[in-house]
Amino acid sequence: MSFKNAYDDTMGYEGGYVFDPTDRGGETYKGISRKHNPHWQGWGIVDSYKPITDKKLLYNNTALDYLTRSYYQAEYWIKPSFDEVDTLWDVLAEKLFDTGVNVGTGRVSKWLQSTLNLLNRNNKYYRDIKVDGGIGPKTIQTLKDAMGCNPKERILTVVAIHQGEHYKGIMERDKTQERYVGWYDRLTYK
């Protein structure tokens, strides 16, 4: 059930069709960037509407809705193992999904692994894990260990700190990206 919650919440941030020349992701549909997801099957449908004069036609397209939801579930929920995180803690899984849609699942997985390492009190509670962006059995076990000795809010806060620093770095390196200050709205989670 958490994928549905994660997807619905994330769609609250992601628009329909957008092609903003200042957006580094380039052309997007409901957050799916053509630049980073060129093989998504929905691009054929999007392209069939070009030139796009009524974005609402795209946004209410049943076939595109199905392809969008299926793609997100396969590539942004199951593939990065956020479904495994969900078995332990749905709120964290939903946070990882939303952030992964925004910045990439490998990056947010590394932030989770780094967070777990930071919260182990110099290996007192559990051993550091490799920060490789792959959530597997060791990361899941370490998350269990971390949840046993840290308040859940602390884990979410440290992941959000990584996320905020990422946005800050982008905006400091390229002032045109300050236009996307709404990214910061994604730091907290319901």
N, C-alpha and C. Protein backbone atom coordinates (compact mmCIF):
# COMPACT_ATOMS: atom_id res chain seq x y z
N MET A 1 0.82 -1.20 0.00
CA MET A 1 0.00 0.00 0.00
C MET A 1 0.86 1.26 0.00
N SER A 2 2.09 1.16 0.50
CA SER A 2 2.92 2.36 0.59
C SER A 2 3.33 2.91 -0.77
N PHE A 3 3.50 2.04 -1.78
CA PHE A 3 3.84 2.60 -3.09
C PHE A 3 2.75 3.56 -3.53
N LYS A 4 1.51 3.19 -3.34
CA LYS A 4 0.40 4.07 -3.72
C LYS A 4 0.50 5.40 -2.98
N ASN A 5 0.77 5.35 -1.68
CA ASN A 5 0.91 6.59 -0.90
C ASN A 5 2.09 7.41 -1.41
N ALA A 6 3.22 6.73 -1.65
CA ALA A 6 4.41 7.44 -2.13
C ALA A 6 4.15 8.09 -3.48
N TYR A 7 3.55 7.34 -4.37
CA TYR A 7 3.27 7.83 -5.71
C TYR A 7 2.31 9.02 -5.66
N ASP A 8 1.22 8.86 -4.91
CA ASP A 8 0.23 9.93 -4.84
C ASP A 8 0.84 11.21 -4.25
N ASP A 9 1.63 11.07 -3.19
CA ASP A 9 2.27 12.24 -2.59
C ASP A 9 3.25 12.91 -3.56
N THR A 10 4.04 12.11 -4.24
CA THR A 10 5.02 12.65 -5.18
C THR A 10 4.33 13.35 -6.35
N MET A 11 3.22 12.82 -6.80
CA MET A 11 2.51 13.47 -7.91
C MET A 11 1.96 14.84 -7.48
N GLY A 12 1.86 15.08 -6.18
CA GLY A 12 1.49 16.41 -5.69
C GLY A 12 2.56 17.45 -5.98
N TYR A 13 3.80 16.99 -6.15
CA TYR A 13 4.91 17.90 -6.47
C TYR A 13 5.18 17.97 -7.96
N GLU A 14 4.94 16.87 -8.64
CA GLU A 14 5.30 16.78 -10.05
C GLU A 14 4.13 17.22 -10.93
N GLY A 15 4.41 18.04 -11.89
CA GLY A 15 3.37 18.53 -12.80
C GLY A 15 3.11 17.55 -13.92
N GLY A 16 2.40 17.99 -14.90
CA GLY A 16 2.15 17.18 -16.08
C GLY A 16 3.33 17.29 -17.02
N TYR A 17 3.11 17.83 -18.19
CA TYR A 17 4.19 18.00 -19.17
C TYR A 17 4.87 19.34 -18.94
N VAL A 18 6.20 19.30 -18.85
CA VAL A 18 6.99 20.53 -18.66
C VAL A 18 8.24 20.44 -19.53
N PHE A 19 8.52 21.52 -20.23
CA PHE A 19 9.79 21.62 -20.95
C PHE A 19 10.33 23.01 -20.69
N ASP A 20 11.00 23.13 -19.55
CA ASP A 20 11.57 24.39 -19.09
C ASP A 20 13.05 24.40 -19.47
N PRO A 21 13.49 25.33 -20.29
CA PRO A 21 14.89 25.34 -20.73
C PRO A 21 15.90 25.52 -19.59
N THR A 22 15.47 26.04 -18.44
CA THR A 22 16.40 26.20 -17.32
C THR A 22 16.45 24.96 -16.42
N ASP A 23 15.56 24.01 -16.65
CA ASP A 23 15.54 22.79 -15.84
C ASP A 23 16.58 21.82 -16.38
N ARG A 24 17.53 21.45 -15.55
CA ARG A 24 18.60 20.55 -15.97
C ARG A 24 18.09 19.17 -16.40
N GLY A 25 16.91 18.81 -15.93
CA GLY A 25 16.32 17.53 -16.33
C GLY A 25 15.74 17.57 -17.72
N GLY A 26 15.59 18.80 -18.25
CA GLY A 26 15.04 18.95 -19.58
C GLY A 26 13.55 18.67 -19.62
N GLU A 27 13.11 18.08 -20.69
CA GLU A 27 11.70 17.76 -20.89
C GLU A 27 11.27 16.69 -19.88
N THR A 28 10.14 16.95 -19.21
CA THR A 28 9.64 15.99 -18.23
C THR A 28 8.14 15.78 -18.38
N TYR A 29 7.72 14.60 -17.96
CA TYR A 29 6.30 14.31 -17.84
C TYR A 29 6.09 13.69 -16.46
N LYS A 30 5.33 14.39 -15.62
CA LYS A 30 5.07 13.97 -14.23
C LYS A 30 6.38 13.57 -13.54
N GLY A 31 7.40 14.37 -13.77
CA GLY A 31 8.69 14.14 -13.11
C GLY A 31 9.61 13.18 -13.83
N ILE A 32 9.16 12.50 -14.85
CA ILE A 32 10.02 11.58 -15.60
C ILE A 32 10.77 12.42 -16.63
N SER A 33 12.07 12.49 -16.45
CA SER A 33 12.92 13.30 -17.32
C SER A 33 13.32 12.50 -18.56
N ARG A 34 13.11 13.10 -19.72
CA ARG A 34 13.52 12.42 -20.96
C ARG A 34 15.04 12.23 -20.96
N LYS A 35 15.76 13.20 -20.43
CA LYS A 35 17.22 13.14 -20.40
C LYS A 35 17.71 11.93 -19.59
N HIS A 36 17.08 11.67 -18.46
CA HIS A 36 17.51 10.59 -17.57
C HIS A 36 16.73 9.29 -17.77
N ASN A 37 15.62 9.35 -18.47
CA ASN A 37 14.78 8.17 -18.71
C ASN A 37 14.34 8.13 -20.18
N PRO A 38 15.30 8.11 -21.10
CA PRO A 38 14.94 8.22 -22.52
C PRO A 38 14.17 7.03 -23.07
N HIS A 39 14.21 5.89 -22.41
CA HIS A 39 13.57 4.69 -22.93
C HIS A 39 12.17 4.46 -22.37
N TRP A 40 11.69 5.40 -21.57
CA TRP A 40 10.34 5.26 -21.02
C TRP A 40 9.34 5.22 -22.18
N GLN A 41 8.44 4.26 -22.15
CA GLN A 41 7.48 4.05 -23.25
C GLN A 41 6.51 5.21 -23.43
N GLY A 42 6.29 6.00 -22.41
CA GLY A 42 5.35 7.10 -22.50
C GLY A 42 5.79 8.22 -23.43
N TRP A 43 7.09 8.29 -23.75
CA TRP A 43 7.54 9.37 -24.63
C TRP A 43 6.88 9.30 -26.01
N GLY A 44 6.58 8.11 -26.46
CA GLY A 44 5.89 7.98 -27.76
C GLY A 44 4.53 8.64 -27.74
N ILE A 45 3.80 8.48 -26.65
CA ILE A 45 2.48 9.12 -26.53
C ILE A 45 2.64 10.63 -26.41
N VAL A 46 3.59 11.07 -25.57
CA VAL A 46 3.83 12.50 -25.42
C VAL A 46 4.16 13.11 -26.77
N ASP A 47 5.04 12.47 -27.51
CA ASP A 47 5.45 13.00 -28.81
C ASP A 47 4.29 13.06 -29.80
N SER A 48 3.34 12.15 -29.67
CA SER A 48 2.20 12.15 -30.59
C SER A 48 1.30 13.36 -30.40
N TYR A 49 1.42 14.04 -29.26
CA TYR A 49 0.61 15.23 -28.99
C TYR A 49 1.31 16.52 -29.43
N LYS A 50 2.54 16.43 -29.89
CA LYS A 50 3.29 17.64 -30.23
C LYS A 50 2.85 18.22 -31.55
N PRO A 51 2.81 19.52 -31.70
CA PRO A 51 3.13 20.49 -30.65
C PRO A 51 2.04 20.50 -29.58
N ILE A 52 2.46 20.55 -28.34
CA ILE A 52 1.53 20.46 -27.22
C ILE A 52 0.93 21.83 -26.96
N THR A 53 -0.36 21.92 -27.20
CA THR A 53 -1.07 23.19 -27.00
C THR A 53 -1.99 23.12 -25.78
N ASP A 54 -2.41 21.92 -25.41
CA ASP A 54 -3.27 21.75 -24.25
C ASP A 54 -2.67 20.67 -23.35
N LYS A 55 -1.92 21.09 -22.35
CA LYS A 55 -1.24 20.14 -21.46
C LYS A 55 -2.23 19.27 -20.69
N LYS A 56 -3.45 19.73 -20.52
CA LYS A 56 -4.45 18.95 -19.79
C LYS A 56 -4.78 17.65 -20.51
N LEU A 57 -4.70 17.64 -21.83
CA LEU A 57 -4.94 16.41 -22.58
C LEU A 57 -3.94 15.33 -22.17
N LEU A 58 -2.71 15.73 -22.01
CA LEU A 58 -1.68 14.78 -21.59
C LEU A 58 -1.88 14.35 -20.15
N TYR A 59 -2.21 15.29 -19.30
CA TYR A 59 -2.29 15.01 -17.87
C TYR A 59 -3.41 14.03 -17.55
N ASN A 60 -4.45 14.04 -18.31
CA ASN A 60 -5.60 13.16 -18.06
C ASN A 60 -5.64 11.98 -19.02
N ASN A 61 -4.51 11.53 -19.49
CA ASN A 61 -4.41 10.45 -20.44
C ASN A 61 -4.25 9.12 -19.68
N THR A 62 -5.22 8.23 -19.81
CA THR A 62 -5.21 6.97 -19.07
C THR A 62 -3.99 6.12 -19.39
N ALA A 63 -3.63 6.03 -20.65
CA ALA A 63 -2.46 5.23 -21.04
C ALA A 63 -1.19 5.80 -20.43
N LEU A 64 -1.04 7.12 -20.46
CA LEU A 64 0.14 7.74 -19.85
C LEU A 64 0.14 7.56 -18.34
N ASP A 65 -1.03 7.66 -17.72
CA ASP A 65 -1.11 7.44 -16.27
C ASP A 65 -0.63 6.04 -15.91
N TYR A 66 -1.07 5.04 -16.68
CA TYR A 66 -0.65 3.67 -16.43
C TYR A 66 0.86 3.51 -16.61
N LEU A 67 1.38 4.04 -17.72
CA LEU A 67 2.82 3.91 -17.99
C LEU A 67 3.65 4.65 -16.94
N THR A 68 3.17 5.78 -16.49
CA THR A 68 3.87 6.56 -15.47
C THR A 68 3.93 5.79 -14.16
N ARG A 69 2.79 5.36 -13.69
CA ARG A 69 2.72 4.62 -12.41
C ARG A 69 3.55 3.34 -12.48
N SER A 70 3.42 2.59 -13.57
CA SER A 70 4.17 1.33 -13.72
C SER A 70 5.67 1.57 -13.74
N TYR A 71 6.08 2.61 -14.46
CA TYR A 71 7.50 2.92 -14.56
C TYR A 71 8.07 3.31 -13.20
N TYR A 72 7.35 4.19 -12.51
CA TYR A 72 7.81 4.59 -11.19
C TYR A 72 7.88 3.41 -10.23
N GLN A 73 6.91 2.53 -10.29
CA GLN A 73 6.93 1.39 -9.38
C GLN A 73 8.12 0.47 -9.69
N ALA A 74 8.36 0.21 -10.96
CA ALA A 74 9.45 -0.69 -11.34
C ALA A 74 10.83 -0.05 -11.11
N GLU A 75 11.01 1.18 -11.57
CA GLU A 75 12.34 1.80 -11.60
C GLU A 75 12.69 2.62 -10.36
N TYR A 76 11.68 3.12 -9.67
CA TYR A 76 11.93 4.03 -8.54
C TYR A 76 11.44 3.48 -7.21
N TRP A 77 10.84 2.30 -7.22
CA TRP A 77 10.37 1.68 -5.97
C TRP A 77 10.99 0.30 -5.80
N ILE A 78 10.80 -0.58 -6.78
CA ILE A 78 11.29 -1.95 -6.66
C ILE A 78 12.79 -2.04 -6.97
N LYS A 79 13.23 -1.49 -8.08
CA LYS A 79 14.64 -1.60 -8.49
C LYS A 79 15.61 -1.08 -7.42
N PRO A 80 15.35 0.08 -6.78
CA PRO A 80 16.27 0.54 -5.74
C PRO A 80 16.01 -0.10 -4.37
N SER A 81 15.07 -1.04 -4.30
CA SER A 81 14.71 -1.77 -3.07
C SER A 81 14.02 -0.91 -2.02
N PHE A 82 13.35 0.13 -2.44
CA PHE A 82 12.57 0.92 -1.48
C PHE A 82 11.38 0.10 -0.98
N ASP A 83 10.96 -0.88 -1.76
CA ASP A 83 9.91 -1.80 -1.29
C ASP A 83 10.40 -2.61 -0.09
N GLU A 84 11.69 -2.92 -0.05
CA GLU A 84 12.28 -3.62 1.09
C GLU A 84 12.33 -2.71 2.31
N VAL A 85 12.68 -1.46 2.10
CA VAL A 85 12.66 -0.48 3.20
C VAL A 85 11.24 -0.36 3.73
N ASP A 86 10.27 -0.40 2.83
CA ASP A 86 8.86 -0.28 3.20
C ASP A 86 8.42 -1.36 4.19
N THR A 87 9.02 -2.55 4.10
CA THR A 87 8.65 -3.62 5.03
C THR A 87 9.04 -3.29 6.46
N LEU A 88 10.01 -2.38 6.61
CA LEU A 88 10.45 -1.95 7.94
C LEU A 88 9.80 -0.64 8.38
N TRP A 89 9.68 0.28 7.40
CA TRP A 89 9.24 1.63 7.78
C TRP A 89 8.70 2.34 6.54
N ASP A 90 7.40 2.42 6.46
CA ASP A 90 6.76 2.98 5.27
C ASP A 90 7.08 4.45 5.06
N VAL A 91 7.13 5.24 6.10
CA VAL A 91 7.39 6.68 5.95
C VAL A 91 8.76 6.92 5.32
N LEU A 92 9.76 6.18 5.76
CA LEU A 92 11.10 6.33 5.18
C LEU A 92 11.10 5.89 3.72
N ALA A 93 10.45 4.79 3.41
CA ALA A 93 10.39 4.31 2.02
C ALA A 93 9.74 5.35 1.13
N GLU A 94 8.67 5.96 1.60
CA GLU A 94 7.98 6.99 0.83
C GLU A 94 8.87 8.21 0.64
N LYS A 95 9.63 8.57 1.67
CA LYS A 95 10.57 9.69 1.59
C LYS A 95 11.67 9.39 0.56
N LEU A 96 12.22 8.18 0.60
CA LEU A 96 13.27 7.80 -0.34
C LEU A 96 12.74 7.82 -1.77
N PHE A 97 11.53 7.34 -1.95
CA PHE A 97 10.93 7.34 -3.29
C PHE A 97 10.81 8.76 -3.82
N ASP A 98 10.18 9.65 -3.05
CA ASP A 98 9.97 11.01 -3.51
C ASP A 98 11.31 11.69 -3.81
N THR A 99 12.25 11.53 -2.92
CA THR A 99 13.56 12.15 -3.12
C THR A 99 14.27 11.53 -4.31
N GLY A 100 14.13 10.21 -4.49
CA GLY A 100 14.72 9.53 -5.63
C GLY A 100 14.17 10.03 -6.95
N VAL A 101 12.87 10.32 -6.98
CA VAL A 101 12.27 10.89 -8.19
C VAL A 101 12.90 12.24 -8.49
N ASN A 102 13.20 13.00 -7.46
CA ASN A 102 13.72 14.35 -7.63
C ASN A 102 15.22 14.40 -7.91
N VAL A 103 16.00 13.52 -7.29
CA VAL A 103 17.47 13.61 -7.42
C VAL A 103 18.14 12.33 -7.91
N GLY A 104 17.39 11.27 -8.05
CA GLY A 104 17.96 9.99 -8.48
C GLY A 104 18.01 9.00 -7.34
N THR A 105 17.64 7.76 -7.62
CA THR A 105 17.56 6.74 -6.57
C THR A 105 18.93 6.33 -6.03
N GLY A 106 19.95 6.32 -6.88
CA GLY A 106 21.29 5.97 -6.41
C GLY A 106 21.81 6.98 -5.40
N ARG A 107 21.59 8.24 -5.69
CA ARG A 107 22.04 9.31 -4.79
C ARG A 107 21.33 9.22 -3.44
N VAL A 108 20.02 9.07 -3.45
CA VAL A 108 19.29 9.03 -2.18
C VAL A 108 19.61 7.75 -1.41
N SER A 109 19.91 6.66 -2.10
CA SER A 109 20.31 5.43 -1.42
C SER A 109 21.66 5.63 -0.72
N LYS A 110 22.56 6.35 -1.35
CA LYS A 110 23.84 6.68 -0.70
C LYS A 110 23.62 7.55 0.52
N TRP A 111 22.68 8.49 0.41
CA TRP A 111 22.39 9.35 1.57
C TRP A 111 21.87 8.51 2.74
N LEU A 112 21.03 7.53 2.45
CA LEU A 112 20.54 6.65 3.51
C LEU A 112 21.71 5.89 4.13
N GLN A 113 22.57 5.32 3.31
CA GLN A 113 23.70 4.56 3.83
C GLN A 113 24.64 5.45 4.65
N SER A 114 24.91 6.63 4.17
CA SER A 114 25.74 7.58 4.92
C SER A 114 25.09 7.94 6.25
N THR A 115 23.79 8.17 6.22
CA THR A 115 23.04 8.48 7.44
C THR A 115 23.18 7.37 8.46
N LEU A 116 23.02 6.14 8.01
CA LEU A 116 23.13 5.00 8.93
C LEU A 116 24.52 4.93 9.54
N ASN A 117 25.55 5.21 8.74
CA ASN A 117 26.91 5.21 9.27
C ASN A 117 27.13 6.34 10.27
N LEU A 118 26.57 7.49 10.01
CA LEU A 118 26.72 8.62 10.93
C LEU A 118 26.05 8.38 12.27
N LEU A 119 25.02 7.56 12.29
CA LEU A 119 24.22 7.38 13.50
C LEU A 119 24.62 6.16 14.34
N ASN A 120 25.75 5.54 14.02
CA ASN A 120 26.13 4.33 14.76
C ASN A 120 27.10 4.60 15.91
N ARG A 121 27.37 5.87 16.18
CA ARG A 121 28.26 6.26 17.29
C ARG A 121 29.61 5.56 17.18
N ASN A 122 30.26 5.82 16.04
CA ASN A 122 31.59 5.26 15.79
C ASN A 122 31.63 3.73 15.93
N ASN A 123 30.68 3.09 15.29
CA ASN A 123 30.58 1.63 15.26
C ASN A 123 30.21 1.01 16.62
N LYS A 124 29.75 1.81 17.55
CA LYS A 124 29.35 1.28 18.86
C LYS A 124 28.08 0.45 18.76
N TYR A 125 27.08 0.93 18.03
CA TYR A 125 25.79 0.23 17.95
C TYR A 125 25.76 -0.82 16.85
N TYR A 126 26.45 -0.55 15.77
CA TYR A 126 26.51 -1.46 14.62
C TYR A 126 27.64 -0.97 13.73
N ARG A 127 28.08 -1.82 12.83
CA ARG A 127 29.24 -1.49 11.99
C ARG A 127 28.83 -0.64 10.79
N ASP A 128 29.77 0.18 10.33
CA ASP A 128 29.56 0.95 9.11
C ASP A 128 29.32 0.00 7.94
N ILE A 129 28.58 0.50 6.98
CA ILE A 129 28.37 -0.24 5.74
C ILE A 129 28.97 0.55 4.59
N LYS A 130 29.16 -0.11 3.49
CA LYS A 130 29.69 0.54 2.29
C LYS A 130 28.63 1.49 1.73
N VAL A 131 29.06 2.71 1.40
CA VAL A 131 28.16 3.69 0.80
C VAL A 131 28.31 3.57 -0.72
N ASP A 132 27.49 2.69 -1.29
CA ASP A 132 27.61 2.39 -2.72
C ASP A 132 26.32 2.65 -3.51
N GLY A 133 25.27 3.07 -2.81
CA GLY A 133 24.02 3.36 -3.49
C GLY A 133 23.17 2.15 -3.80
N GLY A 134 23.59 0.98 -3.35
CA GLY A 134 22.82 -0.23 -3.56
C GLY A 134 22.22 -0.71 -2.25
N ILE A 135 20.91 -0.70 -2.16
CA ILE A 135 20.26 -1.17 -0.93
C ILE A 135 20.05 -2.67 -1.05
N GLY A 136 20.82 -3.39 -0.25
CA GLY A 136 20.74 -4.85 -0.22
C GLY A 136 20.55 -5.31 1.21
N PRO A 137 20.79 -6.60 1.46
CA PRO A 137 20.57 -7.16 2.80
C PRO A 137 21.36 -6.44 3.91
N LYS A 138 22.60 -6.02 3.63
CA LYS A 138 23.39 -5.34 4.67
C LYS A 138 22.78 -3.99 5.03
N THR A 139 22.35 -3.25 4.03
CA THR A 139 21.73 -1.95 4.30
C THR A 139 20.42 -2.14 5.07
N ILE A 140 19.64 -3.12 4.68
CA ILE A 140 18.37 -3.37 5.37
C ILE A 140 18.63 -3.78 6.83
N GLN A 141 19.60 -4.65 7.06
CA GLN A 141 19.92 -5.04 8.43
C GLN A 141 20.44 -3.84 9.24
N THR A 142 21.24 -3.02 8.61
CA THR A 142 21.78 -1.85 9.31
C THR A 142 20.66 -0.86 9.61
N LEU A 143 19.70 -0.73 8.72
CA LEU A 143 18.55 0.12 8.99
C LEU A 143 17.79 -0.41 10.21
N LYS A 144 17.59 -1.72 10.27
CA LYS A 144 16.93 -2.32 11.44
C LYS A 144 17.70 -1.96 12.72
N ASP A 145 19.02 -2.11 12.64
CA ASP A 145 19.86 -1.80 13.81
C ASP A 145 19.74 -0.33 14.19
N ALA A 146 19.79 0.54 13.19
CA ALA A 146 19.70 1.98 13.44
C ALA A 146 18.36 2.35 14.06
N MET A 147 17.30 1.73 13.59
CA MET A 147 15.97 2.02 14.13
C MET A 147 15.85 1.55 15.58
N GLY A 148 16.67 0.58 15.96
CA GLY A 148 16.64 0.08 17.34
C GLY A 148 17.34 0.99 18.33
N CYS A 149 18.18 1.89 17.83
CA CYS A 149 18.94 2.73 18.76
C CYS A 149 18.87 4.23 18.43
N ASN A 150 18.04 4.61 17.50
CA ASN A 150 17.86 6.02 17.14
C ASN A 150 16.36 6.30 16.98
N PRO A 151 15.94 7.49 17.39
CA PRO A 151 14.56 7.86 17.09
C PRO A 151 14.38 7.95 15.57
N LYS A 152 13.23 7.53 15.08
CA LYS A 152 12.98 7.56 13.64
C LYS A 152 13.15 8.98 13.07
N GLU A 153 12.72 9.96 13.83
CA GLU A 153 12.82 11.35 13.37
C GLU A 153 14.27 11.73 13.08
N ARG A 154 15.20 11.20 13.86
CA ARG A 154 16.61 11.50 13.65
C ARG A 154 17.08 10.96 12.30
N ILE A 155 16.67 9.77 11.97
CA ILE A 155 17.06 9.17 10.70
C ILE A 155 16.52 10.02 9.55
N LEU A 156 15.23 10.36 9.61
CA LEU A 156 14.64 11.21 8.57
C LEU A 156 15.33 12.56 8.48
N THR A 157 15.67 13.14 9.63
CA THR A 157 16.31 14.46 9.64
C THR A 157 17.66 14.42 8.95
N VAL A 158 18.46 13.40 9.23
CA VAL A 158 19.79 13.34 8.62
C VAL A 158 19.69 13.10 7.12
N VAL A 159 18.76 12.27 6.69
CA VAL A 159 18.54 12.11 5.24
C VAL A 159 18.15 13.45 4.62
N ALA A 160 17.27 14.19 5.30
CA ALA A 160 16.84 15.51 4.80
C ALA A 160 17.99 16.51 4.77
N ILE A 161 18.92 16.40 5.70
CA ILE A 161 20.10 17.29 5.69
C ILE A 161 20.91 17.05 4.41
N HIS A 162 21.13 15.79 4.08
CA HIS A 162 21.83 15.46 2.82
C HIS A 162 21.09 16.10 1.64
N GLN A 163 19.79 15.94 1.63
CA GLN A 163 18.97 16.45 0.54
C GLN A 163 19.07 17.98 0.45
N GLY A 164 18.96 18.65 1.58
CA GLY A 164 19.05 20.11 1.60
C GLY A 164 20.41 20.61 1.16
N GLU A 165 21.44 19.92 1.58
CA GLU A 165 22.80 20.29 1.15
C GLU A 165 22.96 20.13 -0.36
N HIS A 166 22.34 19.12 -0.91
CA HIS A 166 22.39 18.89 -2.35
C HIS A 166 21.75 20.07 -3.09
N TYR A 167 20.56 20.45 -2.68
CA TYR A 167 19.87 21.58 -3.32
C TYR A 167 20.68 22.87 -3.17
N LYS A 168 21.19 23.08 -1.97
CA LYS A 168 21.99 24.27 -1.70
C LYS A 168 23.20 24.32 -2.63
N GLY A 169 23.88 23.20 -2.79
CA GLY A 169 25.05 23.15 -3.68
C GLY A 169 24.69 23.48 -5.12
N ILE A 170 23.60 22.94 -5.59
CA ILE A 170 23.16 23.23 -6.97
C ILE A 170 22.93 24.72 -7.14
N MET A 171 22.21 25.30 -6.19
CA MET A 171 21.87 26.72 -6.28
C MET A 171 23.08 27.63 -6.12
N GLU A 172 24.02 27.24 -5.30
CA GLU A 172 25.24 28.05 -5.13
C GLU A 172 26.12 28.00 -6.37
N ARG A 173 26.17 26.85 -7.02
CA ARG A 173 27.00 26.71 -8.22
C ARG A 173 26.37 27.37 -9.44
N ASP A 174 25.04 27.45 -9.47
CA ASP A 174 24.35 28.00 -10.62
C ASP A 174 23.14 28.79 -10.14
N LYS A 175 23.29 30.09 -10.08
CA LYS A 175 22.24 30.97 -9.53
C LYS A 175 20.92 30.84 -10.29
N THR A 176 20.94 30.40 -11.55
CA THR A 176 19.68 30.25 -12.27
C THR A 176 18.80 29.17 -11.63
N GLN A 177 19.41 28.27 -10.87
CA GLN A 177 18.66 27.18 -10.25
C GLN A 177 17.91 27.61 -9.00
N GLU A 178 18.15 28.84 -8.53
CA GLU A 178 17.38 29.35 -7.39
C GLU A 178 15.90 29.45 -7.73
N ARG A 179 15.62 29.42 -9.00
CA ARG A 179 14.24 29.41 -9.47
C ARG A 179 13.46 28.22 -8.90
N TYR A 180 14.17 27.16 -8.56
CA TYR A 180 13.55 25.94 -8.08
C TYR A 180 13.60 25.82 -6.56
N VAL A 181 13.45 26.94 -5.89
CA VAL A 181 13.48 26.98 -4.43
C VAL A 181 12.41 26.08 -3.82
N GLY A 182 11.39 25.74 -4.57
CA GLY A 182 10.35 24.82 -4.11
C GLY A 182 10.89 23.43 -3.80
N TRP A 183 12.09 23.12 -4.27
CA TRP A 183 12.71 21.84 -3.91
C TRP A 183 12.74 21.67 -2.39
N TYR A 184 12.98 22.76 -1.69
CA TYR A 184 13.09 22.69 -0.23
C TYR A 184 11.79 22.22 0.42
N ASP A 185 10.67 22.38 -0.26
CA ASP A 185 9.39 21.92 0.30
C ASP A 185 9.38 20.39 0.44
N ARG A 186 10.28 19.72 -0.25
CA ARG A 186 10.31 18.27 -0.22
C ARG A 186 11.16 17.73 0.92
N LEU A 187 11.78 18.60 1.70
CA LEU A 187 12.65 18.13 2.78
C LEU A 187 11.88 17.44 3.90
N THR A 188 10.71 17.94 4.21
CA THR A 188 9.92 17.31 5.26
C THR A 188 9.02 16.27 4.64
N TYR A 189 8.51 15.40 5.48
CA TYR A 189 7.62 14.37 4.96
C TYR A 189 6.43 14.23 5.87
N LYS A 190 5.28 13.98 5.26
CA LYS A 190 4.01 13.90 5.99
C LYS A 190 3.95 12.66 6.85
